[in-house]
Protein backbone atom coordinates (compact mmCIF):
# COMPACT_ATOMS: atom_id res chain seq x y z
CA MET A 1 21.61 -57.70 82.86
CA THR A 2 24.95 -57.31 82.59
CA LEU A 3 26.30 -55.21 79.43
CA THR A 4 26.92 -58.11 77.20
CA GLU A 5 23.23 -59.94 77.78
CA GLN A 6 21.63 -56.20 77.44
CA ILE A 7 23.38 -55.95 73.76
CA HIS A 8 22.72 -59.86 72.78
CA ASP A 9 19.39 -58.99 73.32
CA TYR A 10 19.66 -55.35 71.10
CA GLY A 11 20.68 -58.53 68.50
CA ARG A 12 19.02 -61.48 68.87
CA ARG A 13 15.70 -58.61 68.76
CA ALA A 14 17.33 -56.78 65.37
CA ARG A 15 18.00 -60.84 63.63
CA ALA A 16 13.82 -61.22 64.44
CA ALA A 17 13.11 -57.71 62.57
CA ALA A 18 15.80 -58.83 60.11
CA ARG A 19 14.57 -61.32 58.50
CA LEU A 20 11.11 -59.76 58.62
CA MET A 21 11.76 -56.89 56.93
CA ARG A 22 12.96 -59.60 54.05
CA GLN A 23 8.95 -59.50 53.86
CA SER A 24 8.95 -55.96 52.96
CA GLY A 25 7.61 -54.97 49.51
CA THR A 26 9.43 -51.09 48.32
CA ALA A 27 5.91 -49.63 48.77
CA GLU A 28 6.05 -51.18 52.98
CA LYS A 29 9.36 -49.94 53.19
CA ASN A 30 8.92 -45.96 51.89
CA ALA A 31 5.44 -45.88 53.91
CA GLY A 32 7.83 -46.57 56.98
CA LEU A 33 9.89 -43.79 55.16
CA VAL A 34 7.78 -40.99 55.27
CA ALA A 35 5.95 -41.81 58.91
CA MET A 36 9.51 -41.28 60.22
CA ALA A 37 10.47 -38.22 58.34
CA ASP A 38 7.32 -37.11 59.94
CA GLU A 39 8.09 -38.07 63.62
CA LEU A 40 11.54 -36.93 63.02
CA ALA A 41 9.71 -33.53 62.31
CA ALA A 42 7.05 -33.92 65.02
CA ALA A 43 9.84 -34.89 67.90
CA GLU A 44 12.08 -31.08 66.92
CA ALA A 45 11.70 -29.89 70.21
CA ALA A 46 12.36 -32.89 72.16
CA ILE A 47 15.64 -33.06 69.54
CA LEU A 48 16.92 -29.80 70.13
CA SER A 49 16.36 -30.04 73.75
CA ALA A 50 18.56 -32.86 73.73
CA ASN A 51 21.23 -31.64 71.61
CA ALA A 52 21.77 -28.91 74.00
CA GLN A 53 22.08 -31.53 76.94
CA ASP A 54 25.45 -33.09 74.33
CA LEU A 55 26.11 -29.14 73.67
CA GLU A 56 26.90 -28.22 77.26
CA LYS A 57 28.45 -30.78 78.16
CA ALA A 58 30.64 -30.86 74.77
CA ARG A 59 31.88 -26.88 75.67
CA ALA A 60 32.02 -27.78 79.44
CA SER A 61 34.56 -30.25 78.15
CA GLY A 62 36.66 -28.26 75.55
CA LEU A 63 35.78 -29.91 72.86
CA SER A 64 37.04 -28.08 69.66
CA PRO A 65 34.45 -25.73 67.33
CA ALA A 66 35.34 -27.69 64.75
CA MET A 67 33.84 -30.93 66.50
CA ILE A 68 30.40 -28.46 68.38
CA ASP A 69 30.16 -27.83 64.66
CA ARG A 70 29.60 -31.59 64.02
CA LEU A 71 27.76 -32.07 66.97
CA ALA A 72 25.38 -29.04 66.40
CA LEU A 73 21.11 -29.49 65.61
CA ASP A 74 19.05 -26.39 64.48
CA PRO A 75 15.24 -26.08 62.85
CA LYS A 76 17.59 -25.92 59.50
CA ARG A 77 19.28 -29.30 60.19
CA ILE A 78 16.48 -31.48 61.67
CA THR A 79 14.62 -29.90 58.66
CA ALA A 80 16.97 -31.11 56.65
CA MET A 81 17.12 -34.61 58.28
CA ALA A 82 13.66 -35.18 57.58
CA ASP A 83 13.90 -34.51 54.24
CA GLY A 84 17.38 -36.38 53.63
CA VAL A 85 14.74 -38.93 54.60
CA ARG A 86 11.68 -38.62 52.38
CA GLU A 87 14.26 -38.48 49.33
CA VAL A 88 15.60 -41.62 50.00
CA ALA A 89 11.90 -42.83 49.92
CA ALA A 90 12.04 -41.61 46.31
CA LEU A 91 15.56 -43.32 45.87
CA PRO A 92 15.23 -46.74 43.75
CA ASP A 93 14.78 -49.55 45.73
CA PRO A 94 17.86 -51.71 45.27
CA VAL A 95 16.83 -54.74 47.02
CA GLY A 96 15.11 -57.70 44.18
CA GLY A 97 16.74 -55.87 41.65
CA ILE A 98 18.68 -58.66 39.39
CA ILE A 99 22.19 -57.76 38.32
CA ARG A 100 22.38 -60.75 36.07
CA GLU A 101 21.08 -63.19 34.23
CA TRP A 102 21.29 -66.64 32.11
CA THR A 103 19.96 -69.29 31.02
CA ARG A 104 22.27 -72.86 30.66
CA PRO A 105 22.44 -75.28 28.26
CA ASN A 106 20.04 -77.41 30.24
CA GLY A 107 17.87 -74.91 30.97
CA LEU A 108 18.71 -74.17 34.01
CA ARG A 109 17.96 -70.76 34.86
CA ILE A 110 20.35 -68.44 36.75
CA GLN A 111 19.30 -65.61 38.30
CA LYS A 112 22.51 -63.05 40.60
CA LYS A 113 20.00 -61.71 42.59
CA ARG A 114 20.20 -58.17 45.30
CA VAL A 115 19.27 -59.10 48.76
CA PRO A 116 19.92 -56.87 52.41
CA ILE A 117 22.63 -57.87 53.40
CA GLY A 118 21.07 -58.77 57.02
CA VAL A 119 22.05 -57.14 61.02
CA ILE A 120 24.76 -54.45 59.54
CA GLY A 121 26.55 -52.73 63.43
CA ILE A 122 27.74 -49.06 62.93
CA ILE A 123 29.51 -46.93 65.19
CA TYR A 124 29.86 -43.48 65.04
CA GLU A 125 30.66 -40.29 66.82
CA SER A 126 29.61 -36.78 67.22
CA ARG A 127 27.75 -36.29 64.21
CA PRO A 128 24.03 -36.78 64.98
CA ASN A 129 22.65 -36.90 61.54
CA VAL A 130 24.72 -40.32 61.57
CA THR A 131 21.22 -41.40 63.31
CA ALA A 132 18.62 -40.83 60.79
CA ASP A 133 20.95 -41.47 57.43
CA ALA A 134 22.11 -44.69 59.37
CA ALA A 135 18.90 -45.80 59.87
CA VAL A 136 16.84 -44.23 56.99
CA LEU A 137 19.70 -46.88 54.26
CA CYS A 138 19.14 -49.86 56.44
CA ALA A 139 15.65 -49.63 56.51
CA LYS A 140 14.82 -48.91 52.77
CA THR A 141 17.62 -52.49 51.93
CA GLY A 142 15.69 -54.06 54.25
CA ASN A 143 18.82 -54.66 56.77
CA ALA A 144 17.85 -54.36 60.77
CA THR A 145 20.21 -51.82 62.24
CA ILE A 146 22.09 -51.45 65.78
CA LEU A 147 23.27 -48.11 66.11
CA ARG A 148 25.89 -46.84 68.58
CA GLY A 149 26.78 -43.47 69.16
CA GLY A 150 29.91 -41.29 70.80
CA SER A 151 29.09 -40.01 74.14
CA GLU A 152 29.30 -36.41 73.23
CA SER A 153 25.92 -37.43 71.32
CA ILE A 154 24.46 -39.75 73.36
CA ALA A 155 21.12 -37.57 74.05
CA SER A 156 20.69 -36.69 70.68
CA ASN A 157 21.27 -40.07 69.36
CA VAL A 158 18.44 -41.27 71.73
CA ALA A 159 16.36 -38.76 70.80
CA ILE A 160 16.52 -39.43 67.12
CA ALA A 161 16.24 -43.48 66.93
CA ALA A 162 13.43 -43.02 68.95
CA ALA A 163 11.52 -41.20 66.82
CA LEU A 164 12.73 -42.77 63.69
CA SER A 165 11.31 -46.12 65.72
CA ARG A 166 8.22 -44.94 65.99
CA GLY A 167 7.61 -43.80 62.96
CA TRP A 168 8.62 -47.03 61.31
CA SER A 169 6.19 -49.17 63.61
CA LYS A 170 3.58 -46.96 63.38
CA ALA A 171 3.60 -47.78 59.35
CA GLY A 172 3.11 -51.68 60.61
CA LEU A 173 7.05 -52.68 60.51
CA PRO A 174 9.14 -54.11 63.37
CA ALA A 175 10.21 -51.38 65.39
CA ASP A 176 13.10 -53.88 66.43
CA ALA A 177 14.55 -52.68 63.20
CA ILE A 178 16.31 -49.65 64.54
CA GLN A 179 18.26 -50.18 67.88
CA LEU A 180 20.51 -47.36 69.66
CA ILE A 181 22.64 -48.74 72.20
CA PRO A 182 22.11 -46.53 74.75
CA VAL A 183 25.21 -46.31 77.02
CA THR A 184 28.27 -44.77 76.12
CA ASP A 185 30.48 -47.76 77.88
CA ARG A 186 33.06 -48.30 75.44
CA GLU A 187 33.00 -51.69 76.54
CA ALA A 188 29.65 -51.54 73.73
CA VAL A 189 31.88 -51.74 71.01
CA ARG A 190 33.66 -54.89 72.06
CA VAL A 191 30.84 -56.36 72.93
CA MET A 192 29.02 -55.80 69.35
CA CYS A 193 31.80 -56.85 67.76
CA GLU A 194 32.53 -59.68 68.89
CA MET A 195 28.38 -61.01 68.41
CA ASP A 196 29.00 -62.55 64.55
CA GLN A 197 26.23 -64.70 65.44
CA PHE A 198 24.11 -61.76 65.25
CA MET A 199 25.36 -58.90 63.35
CA ASP A 200 26.39 -59.54 59.67
CA CYS A 201 28.89 -56.43 58.78
CA ILE A 202 29.98 -52.74 61.35
CA VAL A 203 30.82 -50.06 59.75
CA PRO A 204 32.64 -47.93 62.16
CA ARG A 205 32.30 -43.69 61.33
CA GLY A 206 34.70 -41.63 63.23
CA GLY A 207 38.36 -41.29 64.46
CA LYS A 208 41.40 -42.97 63.17
CA GLY A 209 41.17 -44.44 67.39
CA LEU A 210 37.61 -45.79 66.62
CA ILE A 211 38.12 -47.43 63.57
CA GLU A 212 41.45 -49.29 64.44
CA ALA A 213 39.02 -50.59 67.85
CA VAL A 214 36.48 -51.97 65.36
CA VAL A 215 39.20 -53.55 62.77
CA SER A 216 40.85 -55.34 66.26
CA HIS A 217 37.81 -56.70 67.72
CA ALA A 218 35.94 -57.45 64.65
CA ARG A 219 34.34 -61.10 63.87
CA MET A 220 32.14 -59.75 61.15
CA PRO A 221 33.44 -57.68 57.84
CA VAL A 222 34.32 -53.97 58.72
CA ILE A 223 33.22 -50.87 55.80
CA LYS A 224 35.62 -48.62 56.85
CA HIS A 225 37.92 -45.75 55.88
CA TYR A 226 40.15 -44.30 58.62
CA ASP A 227 41.00 -40.87 57.49
CA GLY A 228 40.73 -38.53 55.30
CA ILE A 229 44.17 -36.46 53.75
CA CYS A 230 42.55 -35.55 51.01
CA ALA A 231 44.54 -33.37 48.31
CA MET A 232 44.29 -31.14 45.63
CA TYR A 233 47.07 -30.89 43.00
CA VAL A 234 47.61 -27.39 40.96
CA ASP A 235 48.94 -27.83 37.91
CA GLU A 236 50.64 -26.02 35.76
CA ALA A 237 48.04 -25.15 32.86
CA ALA A 238 45.69 -24.45 35.80
CA ASP A 239 42.62 -21.50 36.48
CA LEU A 240 44.19 -19.82 38.92
CA ALA A 241 41.05 -17.76 40.09
CA MET A 242 39.25 -21.09 39.12
CA ALA A 243 41.87 -23.02 41.85
CA GLY A 244 41.77 -20.36 44.59
CA ALA A 245 38.07 -20.29 44.85
CA LEU A 246 38.36 -24.26 44.13
CA ILE A 247 41.24 -24.89 47.73
CA VAL A 248 38.90 -22.23 49.94
CA ASN A 249 35.78 -24.18 49.04
CA ALA A 250 37.68 -26.89 49.94
CA LYS A 251 38.87 -26.02 52.83
CA CYS A 252 37.11 -23.63 54.04
CA GLN A 253 33.47 -24.38 53.84
CA ARG A 254 33.67 -27.04 57.14
CA PRO A 255 36.65 -28.01 57.73
CA GLY A 256 36.30 -30.52 59.83
CA VAL A 257 35.00 -32.86 57.73
CA CYS A 258 36.52 -36.54 55.72
CA ASN A 259 36.08 -33.88 52.12
CA ALA A 260 37.71 -31.57 52.98
CA ILE A 261 41.23 -31.02 51.59
CA GLU A 262 44.27 -31.01 54.19
CA THR A 263 47.56 -29.98 51.15
CA VAL A 264 47.73 -28.94 48.50
CA LEU A 265 50.25 -29.73 45.72
CA VAL A 266 51.18 -26.86 43.33
CA HIS A 267 53.70 -26.50 39.89
CA SER A 268 56.98 -24.77 40.43
CA ALA A 269 55.78 -23.02 36.97
CA ILE A 270 52.19 -20.89 38.90
CA ALA A 271 53.58 -21.52 42.54
CA GLU A 272 54.99 -17.65 42.62
CA ASN A 273 51.59 -16.21 41.02
CA PHE A 274 49.65 -18.80 43.37
CA PHE A 275 51.15 -17.84 45.95
CA ALA A 276 50.33 -14.26 45.46
CA THR A 277 46.79 -14.77 44.75
CA THR A 278 45.38 -17.67 47.02
CA GLY A 279 47.83 -17.27 49.21
CA ARG A 280 47.09 -14.49 50.66
CA VAL A 281 43.43 -15.08 50.14
CA LEU A 282 44.43 -18.80 52.58
CA LEU A 283 46.28 -16.26 54.59
CA GLU A 284 43.04 -14.10 55.34
CA LYS A 285 40.66 -16.34 56.58
CA GLY A 286 43.10 -17.92 59.01
CA VAL A 287 44.45 -20.79 57.42
CA GLN A 288 47.84 -21.65 58.59
CA LEU A 289 50.12 -23.23 56.14
CA ARG A 290 52.37 -25.33 56.54
CA CYS A 291 55.01 -25.28 54.14
CA ASP A 292 57.91 -27.22 52.15
CA GLU A 293 61.17 -25.39 51.67
CA ARG A 294 59.53 -24.34 48.15
CA ALA A 295 56.69 -23.14 49.63
CA PHE A 296 58.28 -21.32 52.22
CA ALA A 297 60.44 -19.45 50.63
CA GLN A 298 57.76 -17.71 48.52
CA LEU A 299 54.95 -16.99 51.05
CA ALA A 300 57.55 -16.01 54.16
CA ALA A 301 57.20 -12.15 53.04
CA SER A 302 54.02 -12.71 54.28
CA GLY A 303 55.30 -12.13 57.53
CA SER A 304 52.44 -14.17 58.84
CA ALA A 305 52.69 -16.34 62.42
CA LEU A 306 50.63 -18.33 60.17
CA VAL A 307 53.30 -19.70 57.31
CA THR A 308 55.40 -22.62 59.57
CA HIS A 309 57.67 -24.97 58.20
CA ALA A 310 56.43 -28.80 57.58
CA THR A 311 56.95 -32.40 58.77
CA ALA A 312 56.99 -35.59 57.15
CA GLU A 313 54.20 -35.95 58.96
CA ASP A 314 52.23 -33.21 58.75
CA PHE A 315 51.21 -34.64 54.96
CA ARG A 316 49.94 -37.47 55.74
CA THR A 317 48.07 -35.70 58.18
CA GLU A 318 44.13 -35.75 58.13
CA PHE A 319 43.62 -32.35 60.31
CA LEU A 320 40.09 -31.07 60.45
CA ASP A 321 40.52 -27.63 61.39
CA LEU A 322 41.47 -24.88 59.45
CA ILE A 323 45.20 -26.17 58.77
CA LEU A 324 46.93 -26.89 54.85
CA ALA A 325 50.03 -28.74 54.73
CA VAL A 326 51.25 -27.61 50.91
CA LYS A 327 54.09 -28.38 48.40
CA VAL A 328 55.03 -26.98 45.48
CA VAL A 329 56.07 -30.33 42.94
CA ASP A 330 57.68 -30.20 39.36
CA SER A 331 55.60 -32.17 37.50
CA PRO A 332 52.20 -34.00 37.44
CA GLY A 333 54.21 -37.49 38.43
CA GLU A 334 55.68 -36.46 41.33
CA ALA A 335 52.11 -34.76 42.51
CA ILE A 336 50.21 -38.32 42.00
CA GLY A 337 53.60 -40.27 43.56
CA HIS A 338 52.91 -37.97 46.86
CA ILE A 339 49.62 -38.02 46.90
CA GLU A 340 49.66 -42.34 46.37
CA ALA A 341 51.94 -42.36 49.21
CA ASN A 342 50.95 -40.12 51.73
CA GLY A 343 46.91 -39.60 50.63
CA SER A 344 44.19 -42.08 52.23
CA HIS A 345 42.96 -42.81 48.97
CA HIS A 346 39.82 -40.63 49.62
CA SER A 347 39.27 -37.98 47.67
CA ASP A 348 42.03 -35.65 45.36
CA CYS A 349 42.08 -33.69 42.70
CA ILE A 350 43.83 -32.26 39.58
CA ILE A 351 42.50 -28.28 38.71
CA THR A 352 44.09 -27.96 35.55
CA ARG A 353 43.30 -27.00 31.02
CA ASP A 354 45.45 -29.58 30.05
CA GLU A 355 42.54 -32.75 29.47
CA PRO A 356 45.77 -35.82 28.75
CA THR A 357 47.08 -34.64 32.94
CA ALA A 358 43.81 -34.59 33.82
CA GLU A 359 42.99 -38.12 32.65
CA ARG A 360 46.33 -38.90 33.51
CA PHE A 361 45.62 -38.17 36.81
CA LEU A 362 42.05 -39.89 37.26
CA ALA A 363 43.57 -42.56 35.83
CA GLU A 364 46.85 -42.66 38.21
CA VAL A 365 45.27 -42.06 41.67
CA ASP A 366 44.35 -44.80 43.29
CA SER A 367 41.58 -43.40 46.00
CA ALA A 368 37.86 -43.97 45.86
CA THR A 369 37.01 -40.02 44.37
CA VAL A 370 39.00 -38.77 41.92
CA TYR A 371 38.13 -35.05 40.55
CA TRP A 372 39.04 -32.82 37.92
CA ASN A 373 38.41 -29.35 38.31
CA ALA A 374 35.76 -29.61 41.18
CA SER A 375 35.66 -29.28 45.15
CA THR A 376 36.55 -32.45 46.94
CA ARG A 377 33.52 -31.26 49.40
CA PHE A 378 31.55 -32.92 46.82
CA THR A 379 32.13 -36.63 47.75
CA ASP A 380 28.98 -37.12 49.71
CA GLY A 381 25.80 -38.89 49.33
CA GLY A 382 23.69 -36.01 48.78
CA GLU A 383 25.73 -34.86 46.18
CA PHE A 384 25.89 -37.99 44.50
CA GLY A 385 22.56 -38.50 44.44
CA PHE A 386 22.09 -41.15 46.80
CA GLY A 387 19.99 -39.44 49.22
CA ALA A 388 22.30 -40.03 52.19
CA GLU A 389 25.32 -41.96 52.89
CA ILE A 390 27.03 -43.56 56.00
CA GLY A 391 30.59 -43.44 55.77
CA ILE A 392 33.09 -43.00 52.13
CA SER A 393 34.56 -46.40 52.50
CA THR A 394 38.19 -46.13 51.27
CA ASP A 395 37.94 -50.21 50.93
CA LYS A 396 38.28 -51.65 47.85
CA LEU A 397 35.60 -54.52 48.49
CA HIS A 398 33.14 -54.78 49.47
CA ALA A 399 32.52 -51.15 48.70
CA ARG A 400 34.06 -47.86 48.15
CA GLY A 401 33.08 -44.39 48.05
CA PRO A 402 29.93 -43.59 49.28
CA VAL A 403 27.99 -46.11 51.57
CA ALA A 404 24.45 -45.46 50.20
CA LEU A 405 21.52 -47.98 49.00
CA GLU A 406 23.88 -50.46 46.53
CA GLU A 407 26.54 -50.78 48.93
CA LEU A 408 24.59 -52.10 51.82
CA THR A 409 23.12 -54.93 50.39
CA THR A 410 25.05 -57.98 49.22
CA TYR A 411 23.63 -60.97 46.10
CA LYS A 412 22.50 -64.55 46.04
CA TYR A 413 22.09 -66.57 42.61
CA VAL A 414 18.64 -68.26 42.24
CA LEU A 415 18.58 -70.50 40.06
CA ARG A 416 14.95 -72.22 38.67
CA GLY A 417 15.24 -75.40 36.99
CA THR A 418 12.43 -78.40 35.91
CA GLY A 419 14.40 -82.31 36.94
CA GLN A 420 18.07 -81.15 36.59
CA VAL A 421 20.67 -83.51 37.89
CA ARG A 422 24.25 -83.40 37.51
CA GLY A 423 25.87 -86.25 35.23
């Protein structure tokens, strides 16, 4: 069997499973999710052994520390993965929900009703926990899913997907609703993208190169985000102690994730105090500060080799590392304009005590998530109360922000009549 034939077989099986899934009620699906969580916990040793293989290969290939952190599993992360499955089981099921209903003058009753999308393909890199998040959200919403993880996490993904599928089938639900392509050949991505006869939607989760490859080949709708170029603007009315805490959290807690900040904009009126306090703390934490001319002038006296001149490209770069592009601005409007011109419309924040300025920022910054006085690290399905998410979409159609249960449904119109005909 060729690779194309193999992947098409996954597609046929997923399509058949999706038809069966439409017949499953909420109680059945929730029982399947609980069984999935139990199987993940039971398979901890096997999953950790598989992950150790992936980590060994990653270190040998020179993968960065930030990427290795994304790849690594431990008992705590596996427990969190299983707990996340149980959280999704406890969430309301959007499928079957009535978005709107009305009756026409002729007595025809119309409902706009949430239904599963069908078969969803998910292509992702590095983080093996995505295997669980993606499968679980799709299962809860009655979708079949075909997963294709990155080569660096292949052993971990296979072990996790096997546990999930075992749990789902033990609950009497179709095992083919959760399938993982166990090959790392990049040709598999192209084949998946072109099999619109079997897949209704595809979600790429990874670097810009992966997403561009998927978009260029896909024959079905794509839910995506290209970059997480997130910014924090420190307004002249900011509480500087709060600003320091938020910026350190948003940059340093996990620099290799898409909701970490990559740019800091500082109002000129408070720049000197800001750089004397938060600037010093960032340097102590090993953050490289790539500065525009005014920021560089403030920080040059530190004598730190971590203070360098920024290029225009630095303000349009997702570093995924302990690097920040820093710029001094003279107004909230200048900050908003910079974000709109250089950001990726993912997550952006204003730090200020001035409510009108904050509300202006929240209204004018056209990003999937906008913040006032909070870390951008909260852009996450779990933190939003969604239980999990497949990714953060910077699209405007059909999903935006964390892609969770509601975003994995579509709708159809159900009409009930008593013999009405159109005149």
